[in-house]
Amino acid sequence: MKRMFRRTAFVLGWLSCGFVIGAVWPGFPYGYSRSEALAWLMTSGSHPTRYASNYSERAFARIQRGMSRDDVRNLAGQPLEKSTTMRGVETWSYSLPASNSGNFHARFVEFASDGMVCLIVRGFFSEECDYCWLD
């Protein structure tokens, strides 16, 4: 009986450690919040992401509000896509979903009408968790 209890406690302990590591690990390389890490964990295996050529997490993380388009281009390179709203807000997409799963590592930069960065999106987008990805 004592041996079975120890074995069960050992297995449960390892499972708990695995869950905690799985929930925390995405926060290190990607800088995700707990809710993003949990969404990443819940959708594990179904979040293929297509990035701009020569994309670098390190370079993207250095983008700051107030930078110009040229500053961003020199730092992070050319985006995959550019779009502009009717109000003059331009969005540069450095990542897009690579499948129809709706889950991906979102990397966007928005420029106000004055040409300066006004929003940086660096997070995990999941259709199950619409609002857990904004910076």
Protein backbone atom coordinates (compact mmCIF):
# COMPACT_ATOMS: atom_id res chain seq x y z
CA MET A 1 0.00 0.00 0.00
CA LYS A 2 2.76 2.41 0.97
CA ARG A 3 4.66 1.59 -2.24
CA MET A 4 1.57 2.26 -4.38
CA PHE A 5 1.05 5.62 -2.65
CA ARG A 6 4.66 6.63 -3.31
CA ARG A 7 4.40 5.60 -6.96
CA THR A 8 1.15 7.54 -7.40
CA ALA A 9 2.63 10.60 -5.68
CA PHE A 10 5.72 10.36 -7.90
CA VAL A 11 3.65 10.17 -11.11
CA LEU A 12 1.36 13.02 -10.04
CA GLY A 13 4.39 15.12 -9.10
CA TRP A 14 5.97 14.65 -12.52
CA LEU A 15 2.69 15.38 -14.29
CA SER A 16 2.30 18.58 -12.26
CA CYS A 17 5.86 19.63 -13.09
CA GLY A 18 5.20 18.96 -16.78
CA PHE A 19 2.07 21.10 -16.74
CA VAL A 20 3.79 23.97 -14.92
CA ILE A 21 6.77 23.88 -17.30
CA GLY A 22 4.42 23.72 -20.28
CA ALA A 23 2.44 26.70 -19.02
CA VAL A 24 5.52 28.78 -18.15
CA TRP A 25 7.98 27.90 -20.94
CA PRO A 26 6.38 30.01 -23.75
CA GLY A 27 6.87 33.07 -21.57
CA PHE A 28 10.64 32.86 -21.87
CA PRO A 29 11.40 32.88 -25.62
CA TYR A 30 8.24 34.73 -26.65
CA GLY A 31 7.60 37.00 -23.66
CA TYR A 32 4.01 35.79 -23.34
CA SER A 33 1.70 36.50 -20.44
CA ARG A 34 0.20 33.64 -18.40
CA SER A 35 -3.04 33.72 -20.40
CA GLU A 36 -1.11 33.59 -23.69
CA ALA A 37 1.07 30.75 -22.41
CA LEU A 38 -2.04 28.85 -21.34
CA ALA A 39 -3.68 29.43 -24.75
CA TRP A 40 -0.43 28.29 -26.41
CA LEU A 41 -0.40 25.17 -24.25
CA MET A 42 -4.08 24.38 -24.91
CA THR A 43 -3.57 24.66 -28.68
CA SER A 44 -0.15 23.02 -28.74
CA GLY A 45 0.58 21.53 -32.12
CA SER A 46 -2.02 23.59 -33.95
CA HIS A 47 -0.41 27.02 -34.23
CA PRO A 48 1.75 27.03 -37.36
CA THR A 49 2.98 30.53 -38.12
CA ARG A 50 4.49 32.01 -41.28
CA TYR A 51 7.07 34.75 -40.64
CA ALA A 52 8.62 37.44 -42.84
CA SER A 53 11.94 36.46 -44.37
CA ASN A 54 14.86 37.13 -42.01
CA TYR A 55 12.41 37.62 -39.10
CA SER A 56 14.04 37.72 -35.68
CA GLU A 57 12.27 37.70 -32.29
CA ARG A 58 15.17 39.67 -30.84
CA ALA A 59 14.93 42.42 -33.48
CA PHE A 60 11.13 42.60 -33.25
CA ALA A 61 11.33 42.94 -29.45
CA ARG A 62 13.45 46.09 -29.89
CA ILE A 63 10.70 47.97 -31.77
CA GLN A 64 9.29 50.80 -29.65
CA ARG A 65 6.42 53.25 -29.86
CA GLY A 66 7.42 56.46 -31.58
CA MET A 67 9.82 54.84 -34.08
CA SER A 68 9.51 55.76 -37.75
CA ARG A 69 8.78 53.35 -40.61
CA ASP A 70 12.44 53.53 -41.64
CA ASP A 71 13.58 52.70 -38.09
CA VAL A 72 11.30 49.64 -38.01
CA ARG A 73 12.33 48.51 -41.50
CA ASN A 74 16.03 48.85 -40.62
CA LEU A 75 15.52 46.90 -37.41
CA ALA A 76 13.05 44.17 -38.43
CA GLY A 77 13.21 44.12 -42.23
CA GLN A 78 10.34 44.02 -44.70
CA PRO A 79 6.98 42.75 -43.39
CA LEU A 80 4.95 39.96 -44.99
CA GLU A 81 2.02 42.28 -45.57
CA LYS A 82 1.09 45.94 -45.33
CA SER A 83 -2.45 47.29 -45.00
CA THR A 84 -3.96 50.71 -44.32
CA THR A 85 -7.30 51.58 -42.72
CA MET A 86 -9.53 54.41 -43.89
CA ARG A 87 -8.32 56.44 -40.88
CA GLY A 88 -4.73 56.25 -42.10
CA VAL A 89 -3.46 53.62 -39.65
CA GLU A 90 -0.96 51.40 -41.45
CA THR A 91 -0.34 47.84 -40.22
CA TRP A 92 2.78 45.86 -41.00
CA SER A 93 2.34 42.13 -40.46
CA TYR A 94 5.51 40.22 -39.66
CA SER A 95 3.59 36.98 -39.11
CA LEU A 96 0.44 35.35 -40.41
CA PRO A 97 -1.31 32.05 -39.72
CA ALA A 98 0.13 29.23 -41.82
CA SER A 99 -3.05 27.15 -41.54
CA ASN A 100 -6.78 27.49 -40.96
CA SER A 101 -6.44 26.65 -37.26
CA GLY A 102 -6.78 30.34 -36.32
CA ASN A 103 -3.94 30.04 -33.79
CA PHE A 104 -0.59 31.70 -34.44
CA HIS A 105 2.22 33.83 -33.02
CA ALA A 106 0.99 37.35 -33.90
CA ARG A 107 3.61 39.98 -34.74
CA PHE A 108 2.22 43.31 -36.01
CA VAL A 109 3.28 46.93 -35.95
CA GLU A 110 0.80 49.78 -36.43
CA PHE A 111 1.78 53.26 -37.57
CA ALA A 112 -0.36 56.33 -36.89
CA SER A 113 -1.08 58.83 -39.67
CA ASP A 114 2.13 60.70 -38.71
CA GLY A 115 4.17 57.61 -39.67
CA MET A 116 5.24 56.72 -36.13
CA VAL A 117 4.69 53.40 -34.34
CA CYS A 118 1.55 53.61 -32.21
CA LEU A 119 0.97 49.90 -31.40
CA ILE A 120 3.13 46.79 -31.25
CA VAL A 121 1.41 43.41 -31.14
CA ARG A 122 3.64 40.59 -29.94
CA GLY A 123 1.64 37.72 -28.57
CA PHE A 124 -0.14 34.47 -29.18
CA PHE A 125 -3.45 34.75 -31.00
CA SER A 126 -5.98 32.01 -30.40
CA GLU A 127 -9.57 32.00 -31.57
CA GLU A 128 -10.44 30.46 -28.21
CA CYS A 129 -8.92 33.46 -26.39
CA ASP A 130 -9.56 36.54 -28.53
CA TYR A 131 -8.21 39.13 -26.12
CA CYS A 132 -5.18 37.42 -24.60
CA TRP A 133 -2.77 38.51 -27.31
CA LEU A 134 -2.55 42.29 -27.18
CA ASP A 135 0.63 43.84 -25.82
